Amino acid sequence: MSSVAMHDVLLRPVISEKSVIETERNNYTFAVARDANKFQIKAAVEAEFKVNVLGVRVVNVKPKQKRRGRRTLGMVPGWRKAVVTIAAGQKIELFEAV
């Protein structure tokens, strides 16, 4: 079992065109700690935003190669994304400002 503190599980919200559209269907997207599991993500969202979480889906985003200049190659680090479904009628105010 991983030992991630609850306040370290959620890193930031993911604001993209797809994630903003999904908020209409009560699906909210967050970047989360790499070693956090679904139960920890659910507990962190419920504690932070005072909502009822119905489900959590987790995706590991792979690292990508990026070119910097003509010959120099660099890497964009991989990260972990969680899509959280909350109960109908509830919302997370953090995403409403977008």
PDB file of N, CA and C in Angstrom:
ATOM      1  N   MET A   1       0.837  -1.171   0.000  1.00  0.00           N
ATOM      2  CA  MET A   1       0.000   0.000   0.000  1.00  0.00           C
ATOM      3  C   MET A   1       0.882   1.234   0.000  1.00  0.00           C
ATOM      4  N   SER A   2       0.480   2.229  -0.759  1.00  0.00           N
ATOM      5  CA  SER A   2       1.287   3.441  -0.850  1.00  0.00           C
ATOM      6  C   SER A   2       1.025   4.344   0.354  1.00  0.00           C
ATOM      7  N   SER A   3       2.006   5.140   0.681  1.00  0.00           N
ATOM      8  CA  SER A   3       1.905   6.002   1.857  1.00  0.00           C
ATOM      9  C   SER A   3       1.899   7.464   1.422  1.00  0.00           C
ATOM     10  N   VAL A   4       0.837   7.875   0.737  1.00  0.00           N
ATOM     11  CA  VAL A   4       0.689   9.251   0.291  1.00  0.00           C
ATOM     12  C   VAL A   4      -0.262   9.951   1.251  1.00  0.00           C
ATOM     13  N   ALA A   5       0.138  11.108   1.763  1.00  0.00           N
ATOM     14  CA  ALA A   5      -0.739  11.876   2.636  1.00  0.00           C
ATOM     15  C   ALA A   5      -1.916  12.425   1.834  1.00  0.00           C
ATOM     16  N   MET A   6      -3.057  12.586   2.479  1.00  0.00           N
ATOM     17  CA  MET A   6      -4.271  12.986   1.767  1.00  0.00           C
ATOM     18  C   MET A   6      -4.135  14.343   1.078  1.00  0.00           C
ATOM     19  N   HIS A   7      -3.403  15.261   1.687  1.00  0.00           N
ATOM     20  CA  HIS A   7      -3.258  16.577   1.074  1.00  0.00           C
ATOM     21  C   HIS A   7      -2.249  16.572  -0.080  1.00  0.00           C
ATOM     22  N   ASP A   8      -1.522  15.464  -0.274  1.00  0.00           N
ATOM     23  CA  ASP A   8      -0.575  15.359  -1.374  1.00  0.00           C
ATOM     24  C   ASP A   8      -1.107  14.560  -2.558  1.00  0.00           C
ATOM     25  N   VAL A   9      -2.338  14.062  -2.472  1.00  0.00           N
ATOM     26  CA  VAL A   9      -2.883  13.216  -3.535  1.00  0.00           C
ATOM     27  C   VAL A   9      -3.253  14.045  -4.753  1.00  0.00           C
ATOM     28  N   LEU A  10      -4.057  15.087  -4.582  1.00  0.00           N
ATOM     29  CA  LEU A  10      -4.483  15.936  -5.696  1.00  0.00           C
ATOM     30  C   LEU A  10      -3.424  16.998  -5.953  1.00  0.00           C
ATOM     31  N   LEU A  11      -2.889  17.028  -7.172  1.00  0.00           N
ATOM     32  CA  LEU A  11      -1.852  17.995  -7.500  1.00  0.00           C
ATOM     33  C   LEU A  11      -2.430  19.262  -8.109  1.00  0.00           C
ATOM     34  N   ARG A  12      -3.305  19.107  -9.119  1.00  0.00           N
ATOM     35  CA  ARG A  12      -3.895  20.272  -9.788  1.00  0.00           C
ATOM     36  C   ARG A  12      -5.071  19.785 -10.631  1.00  0.00           C
ATOM     37  N   PRO A  13      -6.003  20.678 -10.950  1.00  0.00           N
ATOM     38  CA  PRO A  13      -7.057  20.303 -11.899  1.00  0.00           C
ATOM     39  C   PRO A  13      -6.503  20.338 -13.320  1.00  0.00           C
ATOM     40  N   VAL A  14      -7.031  19.501 -14.185  1.00  0.00           N
ATOM     41  CA  VAL A  14      -6.644  19.493 -15.590  1.00  0.00           C
ATOM     42  C   VAL A  14      -7.692  20.296 -16.346  1.00  0.00           C
ATOM     43  N   ILE A  15      -7.280  21.427 -16.898  1.00  0.00           N
ATOM     44  CA  ILE A  15      -8.189  22.297 -17.631  1.00  0.00           C
ATOM     45  C   ILE A  15      -7.869  22.152 -19.113  1.00  0.00           C
ATOM     46  N   SER A  16      -8.719  21.433 -19.809  1.00  0.00           N
ATOM     47  CA  SER A  16      -8.595  21.277 -21.254  1.00  0.00           C
ATOM     48  C   SER A  16     -10.002  21.350 -21.842  1.00  0.00           C
ATOM     49  N   GLU A  17     -10.074  21.376 -23.151  1.00  0.00           N
ATOM     50  CA  GLU A  17     -11.375  21.466 -23.798  1.00  0.00           C
ATOM     51  C   GLU A  17     -12.242  20.253 -23.447  1.00  0.00           C
ATOM     52  N   LYS A  18     -11.662  19.084 -23.487  1.00  0.00           N
ATOM     53  CA  LYS A  18     -12.408  17.864 -23.187  1.00  0.00           C
ATOM     54  C   LYS A  18     -12.839  17.808 -21.719  1.00  0.00           C
ATOM     55  N   SER A  19     -11.950  18.196 -20.810  1.00  0.00           N
ATOM     56  CA  SER A  19     -12.300  18.118 -19.393  1.00  0.00           C
ATOM     57  C   SER A  19     -13.381  19.125 -19.012  1.00  0.00           C
ATOM     58  N   VAL A  20     -13.404  20.283 -19.653  1.00  0.00           N
ATOM     59  CA  VAL A  20     -14.440  21.271 -19.371  1.00  0.00           C
ATOM     60  C   VAL A  20     -15.793  20.784 -19.898  1.00  0.00           C
ATOM     61  N   ILE A  21     -15.807  20.135 -21.047  1.00  0.00           N
ATOM     62  CA  ILE A  21     -17.051  19.571 -21.577  1.00  0.00           C
ATOM     63  C   ILE A  21     -17.563  18.451 -20.665  1.00  0.00           C
ATOM     64  N   GLU A  22     -16.653  17.660 -20.126  1.00  0.00           N
ATOM     65  CA  GLU A  22     -17.046  16.549 -19.257  1.00  0.00           C
ATOM     66  C   GLU A  22     -17.625  17.019 -17.922  1.00  0.00           C
ATOM     67  N   THR A  23     -17.369  18.271 -17.509  1.00  0.00           N
ATOM     68  CA  THR A  23     -17.936  18.759 -16.252  1.00  0.00           C
ATOM     69  C   THR A  23     -19.455  18.843 -16.333  1.00  0.00           C
ATOM     70  N   GLU A  24     -20.016  18.964 -17.532  1.00  0.00           N
ATOM     71  CA  GLU A  24     -21.465  18.978 -17.681  1.00  0.00           C
ATOM     72  C   GLU A  24     -22.062  17.614 -17.345  1.00  0.00           C
ATOM     73  N   ARG A  25     -21.267  16.548 -17.458  1.00  0.00           N
ATOM     74  CA  ARG A  25     -21.710  15.190 -17.131  1.00  0.00           C
ATOM     75  C   ARG A  25     -21.202  14.749 -15.760  1.00  0.00           C
ATOM     76  N   ASN A  26     -20.812  15.713 -14.922  1.00  0.00           N
ATOM     77  CA  ASN A  26     -20.318  15.491 -13.555  1.00  0.00           C
ATOM     78  C   ASN A  26     -19.030  14.678 -13.508  1.00  0.00           C
ATOM     79  N   ASN A  27     -18.172  14.807 -14.518  1.00  0.00           N
ATOM     80  CA  ASN A  27     -16.858  14.179 -14.532  1.00  0.00           C
ATOM     81  C   ASN A  27     -15.806  15.278 -14.424  1.00  0.00           C
ATOM     82  N   TYR A  28     -14.969  15.201 -13.405  1.00  0.00           N
ATOM     83  CA  TYR A  28     -13.937  16.202 -13.167  1.00  0.00           C
ATOM     84  C   TYR A  28     -12.569  15.540 -13.241  1.00  0.00           C
ATOM     85  N   THR A  29     -11.595  16.232 -13.853  1.00  0.00           N
ATOM     86  CA  THR A  29     -10.281  15.656 -14.115  1.00  0.00           C
ATOM     87  C   THR A  29      -9.220  16.347 -13.266  1.00  0.00           C
ATOM     88  N   PHE A  30      -8.363  15.533 -12.643  1.00  0.00           N
ATOM     89  CA  PHE A  30      -7.290  16.039 -11.796  1.00  0.00           C
ATOM     90  C   PHE A  30      -5.988  15.325 -12.141  1.00  0.00           C
ATOM     91  N   ALA A  31      -4.875  16.028 -11.997  1.00  0.00           N
ATOM     92  CA  ALA A  31      -3.558  15.400 -11.996  1.00  0.00           C
ATOM     93  C   ALA A  31      -3.320  14.943 -10.557  1.00  0.00           C
ATOM     94  N   VAL A  32      -2.910  13.692 -10.392  1.00  0.00           N
ATOM     95  CA  VAL A  32      -2.766  13.124  -9.046  1.00  0.00           C
ATOM     96  C   VAL A  32      -1.355  12.569  -8.868  1.00  0.00           C
ATOM     97  N   ALA A  33      -1.027  12.239  -7.634  1.00  0.00           N
ATOM     98  CA  ALA A  33       0.285  11.652  -7.324  1.00  0.00           C
ATOM     99  C   ALA A  33       0.415  10.296  -8.009  1.00  0.00           C
ATOM    100  N   ARG A  34       1.628   9.960  -8.423  1.00  0.00           N
ATOM    101  CA  ARG A  34       1.850   8.725  -9.187  1.00  0.00           C
ATOM    102  C   ARG A  34       1.558   7.466  -8.388  1.00  0.00           C
ATOM    103  N   ASP A  35       1.734   7.499  -7.086  1.00  0.00           N
ATOM    104  CA  ASP A  35       1.528   6.289  -6.294  1.00  0.00           C
ATOM    105  C   ASP A  35       0.217   6.302  -5.505  1.00  0.00           C
ATOM    106  N   ALA A  36      -0.703   7.217  -5.856  1.00  0.00           N
ATOM    107  CA  ALA A  36      -2.010   7.255  -5.202  1.00  0.00           C
ATOM    108  C   ALA A  36      -2.940   6.249  -5.868  1.00  0.00           C
ATOM    109  N   ASN A  37      -3.755   5.570  -5.054  1.00  0.00           N
ATOM    110  CA  ASN A  37      -4.707   4.629  -5.623  1.00  0.00           C
ATOM    111  C   ASN A  37      -6.106   5.246  -5.662  1.00  0.00           C
ATOM    112  N   LYS A  38      -7.077   4.500  -6.196  1.00  0.00           N
ATOM    113  CA  LYS A  38      -8.423   5.027  -6.384  1.00  0.00           C
ATOM    114  C   LYS A  38      -9.098   5.388  -5.058  1.00  0.00           C
ATOM    115  N   PHE A  39      -8.873   4.593  -4.035  1.00  0.00           N
ATOM    116  CA  PHE A  39      -9.491   4.858  -2.742  1.00  0.00           C
ATOM    117  C   PHE A  39      -8.961   6.155  -2.129  1.00  0.00           C
ATOM    118  N   GLN A  40      -7.669   6.397  -2.265  1.00  0.00           N
ATOM    119  CA  GLN A  40      -7.077   7.633  -1.746  1.00  0.00           C
ATOM    120  C   GLN A  40      -7.564   8.847  -2.532  1.00  0.00           C
ATOM    121  N   ILE A  41      -7.716   8.703  -3.853  1.00  0.00           N
ATOM    122  CA  ILE A  41      -8.201   9.806  -4.683  1.00  0.00           C
ATOM    123  C   ILE A  41      -9.637  10.142  -4.307  1.00  0.00           C
ATOM    124  N   LYS A  42     -10.465   9.127  -4.126  1.00  0.00           N
ATOM    125  CA  LYS A  42     -11.856   9.343  -3.734  1.00  0.00           C
ATOM    126  C   LYS A  42     -11.939  10.057  -2.394  1.00  0.00           C
ATOM    127  N   ALA A  43     -11.166   9.619  -1.412  1.00  0.00           N
ATOM    128  CA  ALA A  43     -11.187  10.236  -0.093  1.00  0.00           C
ATOM    129  C   ALA A  43     -10.701  11.682  -0.144  1.00  0.00           C
ATOM    130  N   ALA A  44      -9.689  11.961  -0.955  1.00  0.00           N
ATOM    131  CA  ALA A  44      -9.156  13.319  -1.049  1.00  0.00           C
ATOM    132  C   ALA A  44     -10.159  14.269  -1.695  1.00  0.00           C
ATOM    133  N   VAL A  45     -10.847  13.831  -2.745  1.00  0.00           N
ATOM    134  CA  VAL A  45     -11.835  14.692  -3.413  1.00  0.00           C
ATOM    135  C   VAL A  45     -13.024  14.942  -2.487  1.00  0.00           C
ATOM    136  N   GLU A  46     -13.494  13.903  -1.798  1.00  0.00           N
ATOM    137  CA  GLU A  46     -14.623  14.078  -0.884  1.00  0.00           C
ATOM    138  C   GLU A  46     -14.269  15.009   0.273  1.00  0.00           C
ATOM    139  N   ALA A  47     -13.057  14.916   0.788  1.00  0.00           N
ATOM    140  CA  ALA A  47     -12.643  15.772   1.900  1.00  0.00           C
ATOM    141  C   ALA A  47     -12.405  17.210   1.446  1.00  0.00           C
ATOM    142  N   GLU A  48     -11.820  17.386   0.271  1.00  0.00           N
ATOM    143  CA  GLU A  48     -11.450  18.725  -0.205  1.00  0.00           C
ATOM    144  C   GLU A  48     -12.657  19.528  -0.675  1.00  0.00           C
ATOM    145  N   PHE A  49     -13.567  18.890  -1.415  1.00  0.00           N
ATOM    146  CA  PHE A  49     -14.647  19.631  -2.063  1.00  0.00           C
ATOM    147  C   PHE A  49     -16.024  19.345  -1.486  1.00  0.00           C
ATOM    148  N   LYS A  50     -16.143  18.481  -0.489  1.00  0.00           N
ATOM    149  CA  LYS A  50     -17.409  18.154   0.182  1.00  0.00           C
ATOM    150  C   LYS A  50     -18.470  17.678  -0.808  1.00  0.00           C
ATOM    151  N   VAL A  51     -18.122  16.697  -1.646  1.00  0.00           N
ATOM    152  CA  VAL A  51     -19.037  16.103  -2.617  1.00  0.00           C
ATOM    153  C   VAL A  51     -19.027  14.583  -2.438  1.00  0.00           C
ATOM    154  N   ASN A  52     -20.025  13.912  -3.012  1.00  0.00           N
ATOM    155  CA  ASN A  52     -20.077  12.451  -2.987  1.00  0.00           C
ATOM    156  C   ASN A  52     -19.509  11.921  -4.292  1.00  0.00           C
ATOM    157  N   VAL A  53     -18.467  11.117  -4.211  1.00  0.00           N
ATOM    158  CA  VAL A  53     -17.809  10.561  -5.392  1.00  0.00           C
ATOM    159  C   VAL A  53     -18.443   9.209  -5.708  1.00  0.00           C
ATOM    160  N   LEU A  54     -18.890   9.044  -6.960  1.00  0.00           N
ATOM    161  CA  LEU A  54     -19.493   7.798  -7.397  1.00  0.00           C
ATOM    162  C   LEU A  54     -18.471   6.851  -8.022  1.00  0.00           C
ATOM    163  N   GLY A  55     -17.446   7.397  -8.697  1.00  0.00           N
ATOM    164  CA  GLY A  55     -16.455   6.554  -9.345  1.00  0.00           C
ATOM    165  C   GLY A  55     -15.188   7.308  -9.657  1.00  0.00           C
ATOM    166  N   VAL A  56     -14.099   6.552  -9.807  1.00  0.00           N
ATOM    167  CA  VAL A  56     -12.788   7.124 -10.129  1.00  0.00           C
ATOM    168  C   VAL A  56     -12.163   6.278 -11.229  1.00  0.00           C
ATOM    169  N   ARG A  57     -11.712   6.934 -12.289  1.00  0.00           N
ATOM    170  CA  ARG A  57     -10.959   6.266 -13.356  1.00  0.00           C
ATOM    171  C   ARG A  57      -9.572   6.893 -13.408  1.00  0.00           C
ATOM    172  N   VAL A  58      -8.542   6.055 -13.549  1.00  0.00           N
ATOM    173  CA  VAL A  58      -7.163   6.529 -13.487  1.00  0.00           C
ATOM    174  C   VAL A  58      -6.436   6.158 -14.768  1.00  0.00           C
ATOM    175  N   VAL A  59      -5.636   7.107 -15.292  1.00  0.00           N
ATOM    176  CA  VAL A  59      -4.861   6.901 -16.512  1.00  0.00           C
ATOM    177  C   VAL A  59      -3.426   7.350 -16.248  1.00  0.00           C
ATOM    178  N   ASN A  60      -2.459   6.519 -16.651  1.00  0.00           N
ATOM    179  CA  ASN A  60      -1.056   6.920 -16.605  1.00  0.00           C
ATOM    180  C   ASN A  60      -0.697   7.517 -17.956  1.00  0.00           C
ATOM    181  N   VAL A  61      -0.365   8.802 -17.985  1.00  0.00           N
ATOM    182  CA  VAL A  61       0.012   9.486 -19.213  1.00  0.00           C
ATOM    183  C   VAL A  61       1.500   9.253 -19.432  1.00  0.00           C
ATOM    184  N   LYS A  62       1.851   8.725 -20.584  1.00  0.00           N
ATOM    185  CA  LYS A  62       3.233   8.355 -20.861  1.00  0.00           C
ATOM    186  C   LYS A  62       4.100   9.587 -21.114  1.00  0.00           C
ATOM    187  N   PRO A  63       5.411   9.494 -20.812  1.00  0.00           N
ATOM    188  CA  PRO A  63       6.319  10.596 -21.138  1.00  0.00           C
ATOM    189  C   PRO A  63       6.493  10.707 -22.645  1.00  0.00           C
ATOM    190  N   LYS A  64       6.771  11.924 -23.103  1.00  0.00           N
ATOM    191  CA  LYS A  64       6.902  12.160 -24.541  1.00  0.00           C
ATOM    192  C   LYS A  64       8.223  12.846 -24.838  1.00  0.00           C
ATOM    193  N   GLN A  65       8.734  12.580 -26.023  1.00  0.00           N
ATOM    194  CA  GLN A  65       9.963  13.228 -26.484  1.00  0.00           C
ATOM    195  C   GLN A  65       9.612  14.546 -27.158  1.00  0.00           C
ATOM    196  N   LYS A  66      10.350  15.588 -26.834  1.00  0.00           N
ATOM    197  CA  LYS A  66      10.170  16.898 -27.453  1.00  0.00           C
ATOM    198  C   LYS A  66      11.511  17.386 -27.959  1.00  0.00           C
ATOM    199  N   ARG A  67      11.487  18.052 -29.079  1.00  0.00           N
ATOM    200  CA  ARG A  67      12.704  18.595 -29.655  1.00  0.00           C
ATOM    201  C   ARG A  67      12.877  20.037 -29.194  1.00  0.00           C
ATOM    202  N   ARG A  68      14.091  20.356 -28.799  1.00  0.00           N
ATOM    203  CA  ARG A  68      14.431  21.725 -28.399  1.00  0.00           C
ATOM    204  C   ARG A  68      15.554  22.184 -29.297  1.00  0.00           C
ATOM    205  N   GLY A  69      15.207  22.910 -30.316  1.00  0.00           N
ATOM    206  CA  GLY A  69      16.196  23.306 -31.289  1.00  0.00           C
ATOM    207  C   GLY A  69      16.333  22.248 -32.365  1.00  0.00           C
ATOM    208  N   ARG A  70      17.443  22.266 -33.052  1.00  0.00           N
ATOM    209  CA  ARG A  70      17.613  21.378 -34.207  1.00  0.00           C
ATOM    210  C   ARG A  70      17.998  19.951 -33.806  1.00  0.00           C
ATOM    211  N   ARG A  71      18.925  19.809 -32.884  1.00  0.00           N
ATOM    212  CA  ARG A  71      19.427  18.485 -32.561  1.00  0.00           C
ATOM    213  C   ARG A  71      19.116  18.014 -31.138  1.00  0.00           C
ATOM    214  N   THR A  72      18.787  18.910 -30.271  1.00  0.00           N
ATOM    215  CA  THR A  72      18.621  18.573 -28.868  1.00  0.00           C
ATOM    216  C   THR A  72      17.254  17.940 -28.620  1.00  0.00           C
ATOM    217  N   LEU A  73      17.264  16.764 -28.032  1.00  0.00           N
ATOM    218  CA  LEU A  73      16.028  16.095 -27.661  1.00  0.00           C
ATOM    219  C   LEU A  73      15.852  16.151 -26.150  1.00  0.00           C
ATOM    220  N   GLY A  74      14.639  16.371 -25.719  1.00  0.00           N
ATOM    221  CA  GLY A  74      14.329  16.379 -24.298  1.00  0.00           C
ATOM    222  C   GLY A  74      13.114  15.508 -24.053  1.00  0.00           C
ATOM    223  N   MET A  75      12.781  15.312 -22.801  1.00  0.00           N
ATOM    224  CA  MET A  75      11.634  14.492 -22.440  1.00  0.00           C
ATOM    225  C   MET A  75      10.673  15.305 -21.587  1.00  0.00           C
ATOM    226  N   VAL A  76       9.386  15.175 -21.876  1.00  0.00           N
ATOM    227  CA  VAL A  76       8.339  15.705 -21.020  1.00  0.00           C
ATOM    228  C   VAL A  76       7.962  14.568 -20.069  1.00  0.00           C
ATOM    229  N   PRO A  77       8.024  14.785 -18.777  1.00  0.00           N
ATOM    230  CA  PRO A  77       7.802  13.672 -17.849  1.00  0.00           C
ATOM    231  C   PRO A  77       6.367  13.152 -17.906  1.00  0.00           C
ATOM    232  N   GLY A  78       6.207  11.890 -17.582  1.00  0.00           N
ATOM    233  CA  GLY A  78       4.893  11.291 -17.503  1.00  0.00           C
ATOM    234  C   GLY A  78       4.184  11.728 -16.226  1.00  0.00           C
ATOM    235  N   TRP A  79       2.872  11.566 -16.190  1.00  0.00           N
ATOM    236  CA  TRP A  79       2.091  11.947 -15.022  1.00  0.00           C
ATOM    237  C   TRP A  79       0.856  11.067 -14.945  1.00  0.00           C
ATOM    238  N   ARG A  80       0.087  11.213 -13.897  1.00  0.00           N
ATOM    239  CA  ARG A  80      -1.087  10.385 -13.677  1.00  0.00           C
ATOM    240  C   ARG A  80      -2.325  11.266 -13.617  1.00  0.00           C
ATOM    241  N   LYS A  81      -3.362  10.837 -14.303  1.00  0.00           N
ATOM    242  CA  LYS A  81      -4.592  11.607 -14.409  1.00  0.00           C
ATOM    243  C   LYS A  81      -5.740  10.793 -13.840  1.00  0.00           C
ATOM    244  N   ALA A  82      -6.642  11.447 -13.092  1.00  0.00           N
ATOM    245  CA  ALA A  82      -7.819  10.781 -12.540  1.00  0.00           C
ATOM    246  C   ALA A  82      -9.064  11.538 -12.979  1.00  0.00           C
ATOM    247  N   VAL A  83     -10.048  10.792 -13.474  1.00  0.00           N
ATOM    248  CA  VAL A  83     -11.348  11.359 -13.829  1.00  0.00           C
ATOM    249  C   VAL A  83     -12.324  10.901 -12.751  1.00  0.00           C
ATOM    250  N   VAL A  84     -12.888  11.871 -12.030  1.00  0.00           N
ATOM    251  CA  VAL A  84     -13.736  11.589 -10.882  1.00  0.00           C
ATOM    252  C   VAL A  84     -15.176  11.919 -11.249  1.00  0.00           C
ATOM    253  N   THR A  85     -16.094  10.974 -11.020  1.00  0.00           N
ATOM    254  CA  THR A  85     -17.518  11.186 -11.248  1.00  0.00           C
ATOM    255  C   THR A  85     -18.176  11.461  -9.909  1.00  0.00           C
ATOM    256  N   ILE A  86     -18.926  12.576  -9.836  1.00  0.00           N
ATOM    257  CA  ILE A  86     -19.597  12.938  -8.592  1.00  0.00           C
ATOM    258  C   ILE A  86     -21.104  12.780  -8.770  1.00  0.00           C
ATOM    259  N   ALA A  87     -21.833  12.836  -7.665  1.00  0.00           N
ATOM    260  CA  ALA A  87     -23.276  12.627  -7.673  1.00  0.00           C
ATOM    261  C   ALA A  87     -23.981  13.745  -8.431  1.00  0.00           C
ATOM    262  N   ALA A  88     -25.145  13.409  -8.985  1.00  0.00           N
ATOM    263  CA  ALA A  88     -25.933  14.394  -9.741  1.00  0.00           C
ATOM    264  C   ALA A  88     -26.397  15.510  -8.805  1.00  0.00           C
ATOM    265  N   GLY A  89     -26.405  16.725  -9.321  1.00  0.00           N
ATOM    266  CA  GLY A  89     -26.813  17.879  -8.534  1.00  0.00           C
ATOM    267  C   GLY A  89     -25.682  18.546  -7.770  1.00  0.00           C
ATOM    268  N   GLN A  90     -24.530  17.913  -7.688  1.00  0.00           N
ATOM    269  CA  GLN A  90     -23.380  18.500  -7.004  1.00  0.00           C
ATOM    270  C   GLN A  90     -22.392  19.006  -8.042  1.00  0.00           C
ATOM    271  N   LYS A  91     -21.575  19.969  -7.631  1.00  0.00           N
ATOM    272  CA  LYS A  91     -20.530  20.465  -8.533  1.00  0.00           C
ATOM    273  C   LYS A  91     -19.340  20.946  -7.726  1.00  0.00           C
ATOM    274  N   ILE A  92     -18.211  21.016  -8.411  1.00  0.00           N
ATOM    275  CA  ILE A  92     -16.976  21.522  -7.820  1.00  0.00           C
ATOM    276  C   ILE A  92     -16.776  22.933  -8.360  1.00  0.00           C
ATOM    277  N   GLU A  93     -16.756  23.902  -7.481  1.00  0.00           N
ATOM    278  CA  GLU A  93     -16.714  25.314  -7.867  1.00  0.00           C
ATOM    279  C   GLU A  93     -15.409  25.702  -8.542  1.00  0.00           C
ATOM    280  N   LEU A  94     -14.363  24.934  -8.358  1.00  0.00           N
ATOM    281  CA  LEU A  94     -13.069  25.245  -8.951  1.00  0.00           C
ATOM    282  C   LEU A  94     -13.155  25.275 -10.478  1.00  0.00           C
ATOM    283  N   PHE A  95     -13.978  24.414 -11.061  1.00  0.00           N
ATOM    284  CA  PHE A  95     -14.096  24.309 -12.507  1.00  0.00           C
ATOM    285  C   PHE A  95     -15.126  25.276 -13.080  1.00  0.00           C
ATOM    286  N   GLU A  96     -15.964  25.884 -12.266  1.00  0.00           N
ATOM    287  CA  GLU A  96     -17.023  26.744 -12.772  1.00  0.00           C
ATOM    288  C   GLU A  96     -16.513  28.090 -13.262  1.00  0.00           C
ATOM    289  N   ALA A  97     -15.322  28.502 -12.844  1.00  0.00           N
ATOM    290  CA  ALA A  97     -14.761  29.791 -13.260  1.00  0.00           C
ATOM    291  C   ALA A  97     -14.203  29.750 -14.661  1.00  0.00           C
ATOM    292  N   VAL A  98     -14.040  28.567 -15.244  1.00  0.00           N
ATOM    293  CA  VAL A  98     -13.435  28.430 -16.566  1.00  0.00           C
ATOM    294  C   VAL A  98     -14.473  28.653 -17.630  1.00  0.00           C
TER     295      VAL A  98
END
